[in-house]
Amino acid sequence: MVKVLYYIEVKVRELKKIKYTYTSDQKHWVGDGFYVYGLLRPSEELNKFISPFIMLDYASPKEFSISDHRRGVGEHPHRGIETVTFAYQGEVEHRDSSGGGGVIKPGDVQWMTAGKGIVHDEFHSEEFSKKGGVFEMVQLWINLPKKHKMTDPKYQEISSAIIPTISLGDKIKLRVIAGNFEETKGPSSTFTKVNLYDIISKENKSISLKFENGTNTIILIMSGELKVEDQNFKDKNILIFEREGSQIDLKVSDNFKGLILNGEPINEPIVAQGPFVMNSKEEIFQAFSDYQNGKMGRL
C-alpha cells in the first residue's frame, strides 16, 4: 500500500490591514500644563489589538505665554505600567519618589517604570516657563506583564543624541526609540518586545515597514497626511491594525510627522482604574491602599 502525503503550504498574509481608525476633536486639560487629545484608552473591544499599549495622549502644538508659575501635573501615583513621554516642542521636567528625575528637551524621551509603585510629578521646565513658546508632546502608557508588575521602579532619560536616525528617503527620517528597525537597535530598555519609531517627512513618498506577524501596530498621525490601503488620513488620527500580517505600506506627505507603536501583546486580564493598571480588582484595591498608606513613597 502506498501512502500519499499531502503538504499544505500556509502562507502568512503579508500586509497588515487596518482594524480601527478614529480621531477626536475633543481636548481636555491634564493639570494646567498639558492640553491633550485622548486618542487611546483601554476597552474590552480594543485591548486585543492595542496591547501592550494602554493609553496615549497627544498634546498638539500650543503656544504658552511667559509665566512665573510652572504649569503641569502635581504629585500622583502609578503602579503596574510604564509611562513614556516624547517631547517634540518645549520642555518637560520630571521627578519621582524613586529618585529619578530630569528635564527632557525637544527630541528627548522620558521613560518611567512605575512597577510596584511610584509617585511623581510633571511640569513645564523652569526655563521653558520663563521664555514661553510652543509646547508639543505625547504621553504613552505601556502595560507590564503580571510577572513584572511589582518590579522596582526605574527611570530612563533618553536624549535625542543617543536615538539612532535612519534615512528612508532624501527627506524622510525614522528614529528608533525602542526595539529594532532592521539591524538598528533603539536605546530604551523594555520588559516585553516593543518597537517605537517616530517619522518626520519632508517629501511625498511611499515606504514600507516590516513587523513580526502576530504583533499589534498603531500609528499616530501628528501632522500632515498618510495614505494607507488607498485611504487618506490626516492629523489627530489613530490607526490600529490587525495582528495578522508582517508589512504596512504607507505613503507619507511632505509635512508628515507620526509615531509608530508596535509590540508583542500581553495576553492577560487588564483592570485599569485611575493611575493603576493591574490584573484584578483586588490588586487595584491594594494599589489604592498602598498609596494611601505611603508605601509608594512621597516627593
C-alpha atoms as a PDB file:
ATOM      1  CA  MET A   1       0.000   0.000   0.000  1.00  0.00           C
ATOM      2  CA  VAL A   2       1.375   3.373  -0.994  1.00  0.00           C
ATOM      3  CA  LYS A   3       0.727   6.337   1.285  1.00  0.00           C
ATOM      4  CA  VAL A   4       0.477   9.716  -0.366  1.00  0.00           C
ATOM      5  CA  LEU A   5       1.371  12.646   1.831  1.00  0.00           C
ATOM      6  CA  TYR A   6      -0.198  15.993   1.078  1.00  0.00           C
ATOM      7  CA  TYR A   7       1.632  19.089   2.230  1.00  0.00           C
ATOM      8  CA  ILE A   8      -0.408  22.235   2.597  1.00  0.00           C
ATOM      9  CA  GLU A   9       1.605  25.443   2.498  1.00  0.00           C
ATOM     10  CA  VAL A  10       0.235  28.056   4.865  1.00  0.00           C
ATOM     11  CA  LYS A  11       1.339  31.496   3.793  1.00  0.00           C
ATOM     12  CA  VAL A  12       1.276  34.345   6.289  1.00  0.00           C
ATOM     13  CA  ARG A  13      -0.652  37.285   4.949  1.00  0.00           C
ATOM     14  CA  GLU A  14       1.936  39.873   4.037  1.00  0.00           C
ATOM     15  CA  LEU A  15       0.077  43.126   4.583  1.00  0.00           C
ATOM     16  CA  LYS A  16      -1.367  44.143   7.913  1.00  0.00           C
ATOM     17  CA  LYS A  17      -4.869  45.530   7.419  1.00  0.00           C
ATOM     18  CA  ILE A  18      -6.452  48.433   9.288  1.00  0.00           C
ATOM     19  CA  LYS A  19      -8.803  47.201  12.026  1.00  0.00           C
ATOM     20  CA  TYR A  20      -9.893  50.515  13.549  1.00  0.00           C
ATOM     21  CA  THR A  21      -9.327  54.163  12.817  1.00  0.00           C
ATOM     22  CA  TYR A  22     -10.602  57.170  14.680  1.00  0.00           C
ATOM     23  CA  THR A  23      -9.868  60.743  15.592  1.00  0.00           C
ATOM     24  CA  SER A  24     -11.079  63.244  18.143  1.00  0.00           C
ATOM     25  CA  ASP A  25     -11.896  66.915  18.141  1.00  0.00           C
ATOM     26  CA  GLN A  26     -12.208  66.970  21.929  1.00  0.00           C
ATOM     27  CA  LYS A  27      -9.318  68.160  24.073  1.00  0.00           C
ATOM     28  CA  HIS A  28      -9.009  68.225  27.839  1.00  0.00           C
ATOM     29  CA  TRP A  29      -6.555  69.560  30.370  1.00  0.00           C
ATOM     30  CA  VAL A  30      -4.284  67.253  32.340  1.00  0.00           C
ATOM     31  CA  GLY A  31      -3.331  69.518  35.213  1.00  0.00           C
ATOM     32  CA  ASP A  32      -2.795  73.003  33.818  1.00  0.00           C
ATOM     33  CA  GLY A  33       0.146  72.237  31.546  1.00  0.00           C
ATOM     34  CA  PHE A  34      -0.984  69.538  29.136  1.00  0.00           C
ATOM     35  CA  TYR A  35      -3.918  70.209  26.791  1.00  0.00           C
ATOM     36  CA  VAL A  36      -4.401  66.844  25.131  1.00  0.00           C
ATOM     37  CA  TYR A  37      -6.396  64.712  22.748  1.00  0.00           C
ATOM     38  CA  GLY A  38      -7.115  61.397  24.462  1.00  0.00           C
ATOM     39  CA  LEU A  39      -6.561  59.107  21.480  1.00  0.00           C
ATOM     40  CA  LEU A  40      -6.029  55.700  23.049  1.00  0.00           C
ATOM     41  CA  ARG A  41      -7.834  54.159  26.019  1.00  0.00           C
ATOM     42  CA  PRO A  42      -8.235  50.547  27.188  1.00  0.00           C
ATOM     43  CA  SER A  43     -11.529  48.792  26.436  1.00  0.00           C
ATOM     44  CA  GLU A  44     -12.748  45.228  26.018  1.00  0.00           C
ATOM     45  CA  GLU A  45     -13.085  45.844  22.277  1.00  0.00           C
ATOM     46  CA  LEU A  46      -9.643  47.390  21.762  1.00  0.00           C
ATOM     47  CA  ASN A  47      -7.378  45.584  24.237  1.00  0.00           C
ATOM     48  CA  LYS A  48      -6.693  42.635  21.933  1.00  0.00           C
ATOM     49  CA  PHE A  49      -5.422  44.972  19.206  1.00  0.00           C
ATOM     50  CA  ILE A  50      -3.531  47.574  21.284  1.00  0.00           C
ATOM     51  CA  SER A  51      -1.747  45.507  23.962  1.00  0.00           C
ATOM     52  CA  PRO A  52       0.856  46.070  25.389  1.00  0.00           C
ATOM     53  CA  PHE A  53      -0.133  49.735  24.959  1.00  0.00           C
ATOM     54  CA  ILE A  54      -2.771  51.121  27.307  1.00  0.00           C
ATOM     55  CA  MET A  55      -3.241  54.849  26.811  1.00  0.00           C
ATOM     56  CA  LEU A  56      -1.990  57.642  24.564  1.00  0.00           C
ATOM     57  CA  ASP A  57      -2.469  61.394  24.987  1.00  0.00           C
ATOM     58  CA  TYR A  58      -1.341  63.848  22.341  1.00  0.00           C
ATOM     59  CA  ALA A  59      -0.709  67.465  23.303  1.00  0.00           C
ATOM     60  CA  SER A  60      -0.742  69.084  19.862  1.00  0.00           C
ATOM     61  CA  PRO A  61       1.260  72.302  19.372  1.00  0.00           C
ATOM     62  CA  LYS A  62       0.037  75.044  21.708  1.00  0.00           C
ATOM     63  CA  GLU A  63       1.540  78.431  22.499  1.00  0.00           C
ATOM     64  CA  PHE A  64       2.138  79.126  26.182  1.00  0.00           C
ATOM     65  CA  SER A  65       2.859  82.611  27.469  1.00  0.00           C
ATOM     66  CA  ILE A  66       5.727  83.561  29.751  1.00  0.00           C
ATOM     67  CA  SER A  67       4.871  82.641  33.332  1.00  0.00           C
ATOM     68  CA  ASP A  68       6.448  82.549  36.774  1.00  0.00           C
ATOM     69  CA  HIS A  69       4.033  79.723  37.534  1.00  0.00           C
ATOM     70  CA  ARG A  70       5.194  76.300  36.337  1.00  0.00           C
ATOM     71  CA  ARG A  71       2.321  74.589  34.606  1.00  0.00           C
ATOM     72  CA  GLY A  72       1.888  70.846  34.846  1.00  0.00           C
ATOM     73  CA  VAL A  73       0.583  67.981  36.978  1.00  0.00           C
ATOM     74  CA  GLY A  74       1.282  67.682  40.686  1.00  0.00           C
ATOM     75  CA  GLU A  75       2.141  64.625  42.751  1.00  0.00           C
ATOM     76  CA  HIS A  76       0.286  61.456  41.727  1.00  0.00           C
ATOM     77  CA  PRO A  77       0.938  57.674  41.800  1.00  0.00           C
ATOM     78  CA  HIS A  78       1.220  54.812  39.290  1.00  0.00           C
ATOM     79  CA  ARG A  79       1.537  51.025  39.543  1.00  0.00           C
ATOM     80  CA  GLY A  80       1.717  48.197  37.011  1.00  0.00           C
ATOM     81  CA  ILE A  81       2.734  50.269  33.971  1.00  0.00           C
ATOM     82  CA  GLU A  82       5.441  52.327  32.307  1.00  0.00           C
ATOM     83  CA  THR A  83       4.855  55.918  31.187  1.00  0.00           C
ATOM     84  CA  VAL A  84       6.768  57.193  28.169  1.00  0.00           C
ATOM     85  CA  THR A  85       6.850  60.915  27.393  1.00  0.00           C
ATOM     86  CA  PHE A  86       8.013  62.150  23.976  1.00  0.00           C
ATOM     87  CA  ALA A  87       8.975  65.846  23.829  1.00  0.00           C
ATOM     88  CA  TYR A  88       8.619  67.420  20.372  1.00  0.00           C
ATOM     89  CA  GLN A  89       8.472  71.107  21.293  1.00  0.00           C
ATOM     90  CA  GLY A  90       9.008  72.684  24.702  1.00  0.00           C
ATOM     91  CA  GLU A  91      10.493  71.041  27.777  1.00  0.00           C
ATOM     92  CA  VAL A  92       9.140  68.658  30.438  1.00  0.00           C
ATOM     93  CA  GLU A  93      10.597  68.304  33.928  1.00  0.00           C
ATOM     94  CA  HIS A  94      10.034  65.146  35.966  1.00  0.00           C
ATOM     95  CA  ARG A  95      10.817  63.955  39.477  1.00  0.00           C
ATOM     96  CA  ASP A  96       9.713  60.805  41.280  1.00  0.00           C
ATOM     97  CA  SER A  97       9.809  59.024  44.628  1.00  0.00           C
ATOM     98  CA  SER A  98      12.484  56.568  43.464  1.00  0.00           C
ATOM     99  CA  GLY A  99      14.950  59.429  42.987  1.00  0.00           C
ATOM    100  CA  GLY A 100      14.552  59.664  39.228  1.00  0.00           C
ATOM    101  CA  GLY A 101      14.167  62.982  37.504  1.00  0.00           C
ATOM    102  CA  GLY A 102      15.370  65.408  34.901  1.00  0.00           C
ATOM    103  CA  VAL A 103      14.418  67.723  32.060  1.00  0.00           C
ATOM    104  CA  ILE A 104      13.683  66.451  28.577  1.00  0.00           C
ATOM    105  CA  LYS A 105      14.018  68.829  25.625  1.00  0.00           C
ATOM    106  CA  PRO A 106      12.770  68.613  22.015  1.00  0.00           C
ATOM    107  CA  GLY A 107      13.637  65.206  20.612  1.00  0.00           C
ATOM    108  CA  ASP A 108      14.212  63.634  24.032  1.00  0.00           C
ATOM    109  CA  VAL A 109      12.203  60.836  25.646  1.00  0.00           C
ATOM    110  CA  GLN A 110      11.459  60.142  29.299  1.00  0.00           C
ATOM    111  CA  TRP A 111      10.712  56.509  30.239  1.00  0.00           C
ATOM    112  CA  MET A 112       9.426  55.802  33.749  1.00  0.00           C
ATOM    113  CA  THR A 113       8.794  52.279  35.003  1.00  0.00           C
ATOM    114  CA  ALA A 114       6.231  52.555  37.806  1.00  0.00           C
ATOM    115  CA  GLY A 115       6.377  48.835  38.645  1.00  0.00           C
ATOM    116  CA  LYS A 116       5.317  48.149  42.237  1.00  0.00           C
ATOM    117  CA  GLY A 117       4.522  51.793  42.797  1.00  0.00           C
ATOM    118  CA  ILE A 118       5.868  55.279  42.316  1.00  0.00           C
ATOM    119  CA  VAL A 119       4.798  58.854  42.960  1.00  0.00           C
ATOM    120  CA  HIS A 120       5.845  61.575  40.525  1.00  0.00           C
ATOM    121  CA  ASP A 121       5.039  64.999  39.140  1.00  0.00           C
ATOM    122  CA  GLU A 122       5.461  66.529  35.684  1.00  0.00           C
ATOM    123  CA  PHE A 123       5.773  70.213  34.838  1.00  0.00           C
ATOM    124  CA  HIS A 124       6.960  72.501  32.093  1.00  0.00           C
ATOM    125  CA  SER A 125      10.610  73.133  32.826  1.00  0.00           C
ATOM    126  CA  GLU A 126      11.604  76.298  34.671  1.00  0.00           C
ATOM    127  CA  GLU A 127      13.469  77.549  31.590  1.00  0.00           C
ATOM    128  CA  PHE A 128      10.503  76.971  29.257  1.00  0.00           C
ATOM    129  CA  SER A 129       8.132  78.690  31.708  1.00  0.00           C
ATOM    130  CA  LYS A 130      10.364  81.782  31.773  1.00  0.00           C
ATOM    131  CA  LYS A 131      10.592  82.024  27.991  1.00  0.00           C
ATOM    132  CA  GLY A 132       7.190  80.656  26.922  1.00  0.00           C
ATOM    133  CA  GLY A 133       6.691  79.204  23.468  1.00  0.00           C
ATOM    134  CA  VAL A 134       5.145  76.294  21.607  1.00  0.00           C
ATOM    135  CA  PHE A 135       4.652  73.070  23.534  1.00  0.00           C
ATOM    136  CA  GLU A 136       4.022  69.643  21.927  1.00  0.00           C
ATOM    137  CA  MET A 137       4.329  66.189  23.455  1.00  0.00           C
ATOM    138  CA  VAL A 138       2.952  62.648  23.523  1.00  0.00           C
ATOM    139  CA  GLN A 139       2.489  60.508  26.608  1.00  0.00           C
ATOM    140  CA  LEU A 140       2.113  56.756  26.229  1.00  0.00           C
ATOM    141  CA  TRP A 141       1.305  54.127  28.866  1.00  0.00           C
ATOM    142  CA  ILE A 142       2.761  50.648  28.324  1.00  0.00           C
ATOM    143  CA  ASN A 143       1.431  47.680  30.283  1.00  0.00           C
ATOM    144  CA  LEU A 144       3.709  45.425  32.307  1.00  0.00           C
ATOM    145  CA  PRO A 145       3.120  41.649  32.310  1.00  0.00           C
ATOM    146  CA  LYS A 146       1.990  40.115  35.600  1.00  0.00           C
ATOM    147  CA  LYS A 147       5.458  38.778  36.415  1.00  0.00           C
ATOM    148  CA  HIS A 148       6.915  42.306  36.218  1.00  0.00           C
ATOM    149  CA  LYS A 149       4.072  44.413  37.649  1.00  0.00           C
ATOM    150  CA  MET A 150       5.749  44.579  41.049  1.00  0.00           C
ATOM    151  CA  THR A 151       9.241  45.224  39.726  1.00  0.00           C
ATOM    152  CA  ASP A 152      11.288  48.030  41.282  1.00  0.00           C
ATOM    153  CA  PRO A 153      10.654  51.494  39.791  1.00  0.00           C
ATOM    154  CA  LYS A 154      13.148  52.781  37.236  1.00  0.00           C
ATOM    155  CA  TYR A 155      13.735  55.982  35.275  1.00  0.00           C
ATOM    156  CA  GLN A 156      15.363  56.327  31.846  1.00  0.00           C
ATOM    157  CA  GLU A 157      16.188  59.748  30.419  1.00  0.00           C
ATOM    158  CA  ILE A 158      16.809  59.186  26.703  1.00  0.00           C
ATOM    159  CA  SER A 159      18.399  62.148  24.953  1.00  0.00           C
ATOM    160  CA  SER A 160      17.905  62.741  21.243  1.00  0.00           C
ATOM    161  CA  ALA A 161      21.688  62.399  20.806  1.00  0.00           C
ATOM    162  CA  ILE A 162      21.572  58.651  21.528  1.00  0.00           C
ATOM    163  CA  ILE A 163      18.455  57.855  19.472  1.00  0.00           C
ATOM    164  CA  PRO A 164      19.553  56.345  16.123  1.00  0.00           C
ATOM    165  CA  THR A 165      18.198  58.023  12.985  1.00  0.00           C
ATOM    166  CA  ILE A 166      17.680  56.186   9.695  1.00  0.00           C
ATOM    167  CA  SER A 167      17.027  57.764   6.279  1.00  0.00           C
ATOM    168  CA  LEU A 168      14.049  56.296   4.423  1.00  0.00           C
ATOM    169  CA  GLY A 169      14.428  58.806   1.608  1.00  0.00           C
ATOM    170  CA  ASP A 170      16.210  62.039   0.841  1.00  0.00           C
ATOM    171  CA  LYS A 171      13.974  63.898   3.270  1.00  0.00           C
ATOM    172  CA  ILE A 172      12.420  61.169   5.453  1.00  0.00           C
ATOM    173  CA  LYS A 173      13.917  60.374   8.844  1.00  0.00           C
ATOM    174  CA  LEU A 174      12.929  57.489  11.135  1.00  0.00           C
ATOM    175  CA  ARG A 175      14.185  57.399  14.734  1.00  0.00           C
ATOM    176  CA  VAL A 176      14.471  54.075  16.566  1.00  0.00           C
ATOM    177  CA  ILE A 177      13.421  54.935  20.121  1.00  0.00           C
ATOM    178  CA  ALA A 178      12.878  51.366  21.334  1.00  0.00           C
ATOM    179  CA  GLY A 179      13.249  47.894  19.876  1.00  0.00           C
ATOM    180  CA  ASN A 180      14.763  47.350  16.453  1.00  0.00           C
ATOM    181  CA  PHE A 181      14.424  48.631  12.922  1.00  0.00           C
ATOM    182  CA  GLU A 182      16.190  46.192  10.622  1.00  0.00           C
ATOM    183  CA  GLU A 183      19.701  45.998  12.127  1.00  0.00           C
ATOM    184  CA  THR A 184      19.436  49.183  14.200  1.00  0.00           C
ATOM    185  CA  LYS A 185      18.595  48.958  17.902  1.00  0.00           C
ATOM    186  CA  GLY A 186      16.999  51.687  19.985  1.00  0.00           C
ATOM    187  CA  PRO A 187      18.416  52.785  23.368  1.00  0.00           C
ATOM    188  CA  SER A 188      15.368  52.073  25.561  1.00  0.00           C
ATOM    189  CA  SER A 189      15.216  49.132  27.958  1.00  0.00           C
ATOM    190  CA  THR A 190      11.855  47.288  27.789  1.00  0.00           C
ATOM    191  CA  PHE A 191      10.180  44.378  29.612  1.00  0.00           C
ATOM    192  CA  THR A 192       8.427  42.982  26.527  1.00  0.00           C
ATOM    193  CA  LYS A 193       9.075  43.199  22.787  1.00  0.00           C
ATOM    194  CA  VAL A 194       8.264  46.798  21.882  1.00  0.00           C
ATOM    195  CA  ASN A 195       9.248  48.829  18.815  1.00  0.00           C
ATOM    196  CA  LEU A 196       8.768  52.594  18.961  1.00  0.00           C
ATOM    197  CA  TYR A 197       9.653  54.805  15.994  1.00  0.00           C
ATOM    198  CA  ASP A 198       8.856  58.335  15.005  1.00  0.00           C
ATOM    199  CA  ILE A 199       8.966  59.565  11.427  1.00  0.00           C
ATOM    200  CA  ILE A 200       9.361  63.062  10.037  1.00  0.00           C
ATOM    201  CA  SER A 201       8.956  63.511   6.278  1.00  0.00           C
ATOM    202  CA  LYS A 202       9.550  66.485   4.019  1.00  0.00           C
ATOM    203  CA  GLU A 203       8.770  64.646   0.785  1.00  0.00           C
ATOM    204  CA  ASN A 204       5.847  62.731  -0.699  1.00  0.00           C
ATOM    205  CA  LYS A 205       6.957  59.119  -0.847  1.00  0.00           C
ATOM    206  CA  SER A 206       5.787  55.511  -0.427  1.00  0.00           C
ATOM    207  CA  ILE A 207       7.555  53.494   2.267  1.00  0.00           C
ATOM    208  CA  SER A 208       7.120  50.024   3.773  1.00  0.00           C
ATOM    209  CA  LEU A 209       7.568  48.985   7.395  1.00  0.00           C
ATOM    210  CA  LYS A 210       8.150  45.376   8.490  1.00  0.00           C
ATOM    211  CA  PHE A 211       6.823  43.868  11.713  1.00  0.00           C
ATOM    212  CA  GLU A 212       6.501  40.410  13.229  1.00  0.00           C
ATOM    213  CA  ASN A 213       3.307  38.565  12.366  1.00  0.00           C
ATOM    214  CA  GLY A 214       1.001  38.431  15.401  1.00  0.00           C
ATOM    215  CA  THR A 215       2.131  41.750  16.877  1.00  0.00           C
ATOM    216  CA  ASN A 216      -0.012  44.836  17.426  1.00  0.00           C
ATOM    217  CA  THR A 217       0.697  48.017  15.488  1.00  0.00           C
ATOM    218  CA  ILE A 218      -0.658  51.542  15.968  1.00  0.00           C
ATOM    219  CA  ILE A 219       0.134  54.743  14.068  1.00  0.00           C
ATOM    220  CA  LEU A 220      -0.475  58.232  15.456  1.00  0.00           C
ATOM    221  CA  ILE A 221      -0.567  60.987  12.838  1.00  0.00           C
ATOM    222  CA  MET A 222       0.600  64.215  14.459  1.00  0.00           C
ATOM    223  CA  SER A 223       0.740  66.340  11.328  1.00  0.00           C
ATOM    224  CA  GLY A 224       0.418  66.017   7.573  1.00  0.00           C
ATOM    225  CA  GLU A 225      -1.249  63.154   5.725  1.00  0.00           C
ATOM    226  CA  LEU A 226      -0.821  59.415   5.437  1.00  0.00           C
ATOM    227  CA  LYS A 227      -2.191  57.157   2.723  1.00  0.00           C
ATOM    228  CA  VAL A 228      -2.856  53.522   3.648  1.00  0.00           C
ATOM    229  CA  GLU A 229      -4.975  50.998   1.704  1.00  0.00           C
ATOM    230  CA  ASP A 230      -5.989  53.759  -0.751  1.00  0.00           C
ATOM    231  CA  GLN A 231      -7.413  55.819   2.112  1.00  0.00           C
ATOM    232  CA  ASN A 232      -6.121  59.235   3.157  1.00  0.00           C
ATOM    233  CA  PHE A 233      -5.811  60.079   6.845  1.00  0.00           C
ATOM    234  CA  LYS A 234      -4.982  63.458   8.360  1.00  0.00           C
ATOM    235  CA  ASP A 235      -3.552  64.671  11.652  1.00  0.00           C
ATOM    236  CA  LYS A 236      -5.015  63.604  15.008  1.00  0.00           C
ATOM    237  CA  ASN A 237      -5.869  60.202  13.521  1.00  0.00           C
ATOM    238  CA  ILE A 238      -5.023  56.898  15.199  1.00  0.00           C
ATOM    239  CA  LEU A 239      -4.765  53.787  13.000  1.00  0.00           C
ATOM    240  CA  ILE A 240      -4.952  50.361  14.671  1.00  0.00           C
ATOM    241  CA  PHE A 241      -4.016  47.323  12.596  1.00  0.00           C
ATOM    242  CA  GLU A 242      -4.886  43.629  12.614  1.00  0.00           C
ATOM    243  CA  ARG A 243      -2.350  41.320  14.260  1.00  0.00           C
ATOM    244  CA  GLU A 244      -2.019  39.170  11.170  1.00  0.00           C
ATOM    245  CA  GLY A 245       0.474  40.319   8.566  1.00  0.00           C
ATOM    246  CA  SER A 246       4.080  41.443   8.531  1.00  0.00           C
ATOM    247  CA  GLN A 247       4.175  44.644   6.485  1.00  0.00           C
ATOM    248  CA  ILE A 248       2.465  48.026   6.286  1.00  0.00           C
ATOM    249  CA  ASP A 249       2.710  50.082   3.090  1.00  0.00           C
ATOM    250  CA  LEU A 250       2.401  53.826   3.603  1.00  0.00           C
ATOM    251  CA  LYS A 251       2.577  56.977   1.539  1.00  0.00           C
ATOM    252  CA  VAL A 252       3.658  59.982   3.595  1.00  0.00           C
ATOM    253  CA  SER A 253       3.122  63.631   2.711  1.00  0.00           C
ATOM    254  CA  ASP A 254       5.827  66.293   2.608  1.00  0.00           C
ATOM    255  CA  ASN A 255       4.772  67.631   6.018  1.00  0.00           C
ATOM    256  CA  PHE A 256       4.189  64.343   7.817  1.00  0.00           C
ATOM    257  CA  LYS A 257       5.057  63.608  11.438  1.00  0.00           C
ATOM    258  CA  GLY A 258       3.952  60.368  13.064  1.00  0.00           C
ATOM    259  CA  LEU A 259       4.620  57.946  15.902  1.00  0.00           C
ATOM    260  CA  ILE A 260       4.677  54.188  15.259  1.00  0.00           C
ATOM    261  CA  LEU A 261       3.890  51.759  18.101  1.00  0.00           C
ATOM    262  CA  ASN A 262       4.447  48.029  17.672  1.00  0.00           C
ATOM    263  CA  GLY A 263       4.564  45.342  20.325  1.00  0.00           C
ATOM    264  CA  GLU A 264       4.023  41.770  21.337  1.00  0.00           C
ATOM    265  CA  PRO A 265       0.597  41.530  23.012  1.00  0.00           C
ATOM    266  CA  ILE A 266       0.332  40.600  26.688  1.00  0.00           C
ATOM    267  CA  ASN A 267      -2.454  38.050  26.818  1.00  0.00           C
ATOM    268  CA  GLU A 268      -3.509  38.648  30.411  1.00  0.00           C
ATOM    269  CA  PRO A 269      -6.547  40.260  32.082  1.00  0.00           C
ATOM    270  CA  ILE A 270      -6.454  44.051  32.317  1.00  0.00           C
ATOM    271  CA  VAL A 271      -8.117  46.024  35.089  1.00  0.00           C
ATOM    272  CA  ALA A 272      -7.451  49.754  34.820  1.00  0.00           C
ATOM    273  CA  GLN A 273      -8.630  52.340  37.298  1.00  0.00           C
ATOM    274  CA  GLY A 274      -7.221  55.818  37.615  1.00  0.00           C
ATOM    275  CA  PRO A 275      -3.411  55.684  37.619  1.00  0.00           C
ATOM    276  CA  PHE A 276      -3.178  51.914  38.190  1.00  0.00           C
ATOM    277  CA  VAL A 277      -3.290  49.025  35.698  1.00  0.00           C
ATOM    278  CA  MET A 278      -3.327  45.541  37.214  1.00  0.00           C
ATOM    279  CA  ASN A 279      -4.743  42.071  36.516  1.00  0.00           C
ATOM    280  CA  SER A 280      -7.611  42.019  39.040  1.00  0.00           C
ATOM    281  CA  LYS A 281      -9.903  44.325  41.014  1.00  0.00           C
ATOM    282  CA  GLU A 282      -8.329  43.071  44.237  1.00  0.00           C
ATOM    283  CA  GLU A 283      -4.918  44.238  43.030  1.00  0.00           C
ATOM    284  CA  ILE A 284      -6.400  47.647  42.198  1.00  0.00           C
ATOM    285  CA  PHE A 285      -7.879  47.954  45.700  1.00  0.00           C
ATOM    286  CA  GLN A 286      -4.486  47.002  47.142  1.00  0.00           C
ATOM    287  CA  ALA A 287      -2.766  49.635  44.998  1.00  0.00           C
ATOM    288  CA  PHE A 288      -5.022  52.393  46.318  1.00  0.00           C
ATOM    289  CA  SER A 289      -4.463  51.171  49.885  1.00  0.00           C
ATOM    290  CA  ASP A 290      -0.687  51.040  49.459  1.00  0.00           C
ATOM    291  CA  TYR A 291      -0.614  54.553  48.011  1.00  0.00           C
ATOM    292  CA  GLN A 292      -2.768  55.972  50.813  1.00  0.00           C
ATOM    293  CA  ASN A 293      -0.515  54.308  53.392  1.00  0.00           C
ATOM    294  CA  GLY A 294       2.620  55.826  51.862  1.00  0.00           C
ATOM    295  CA  LYS A 295       4.065  52.575  50.522  1.00  0.00           C
ATOM    296  CA  MET A 296       4.762  54.143  47.112  1.00  0.00           C
ATOM    297  CA  GLY A 297       6.822  56.925  48.643  1.00  0.00           C
ATOM    298  CA  ARG A 298       6.424  60.677  48.650  1.00  0.00           C
ATOM    299  CA  LEU A 299       8.109  63.563  46.876  1.00  0.00           C
END
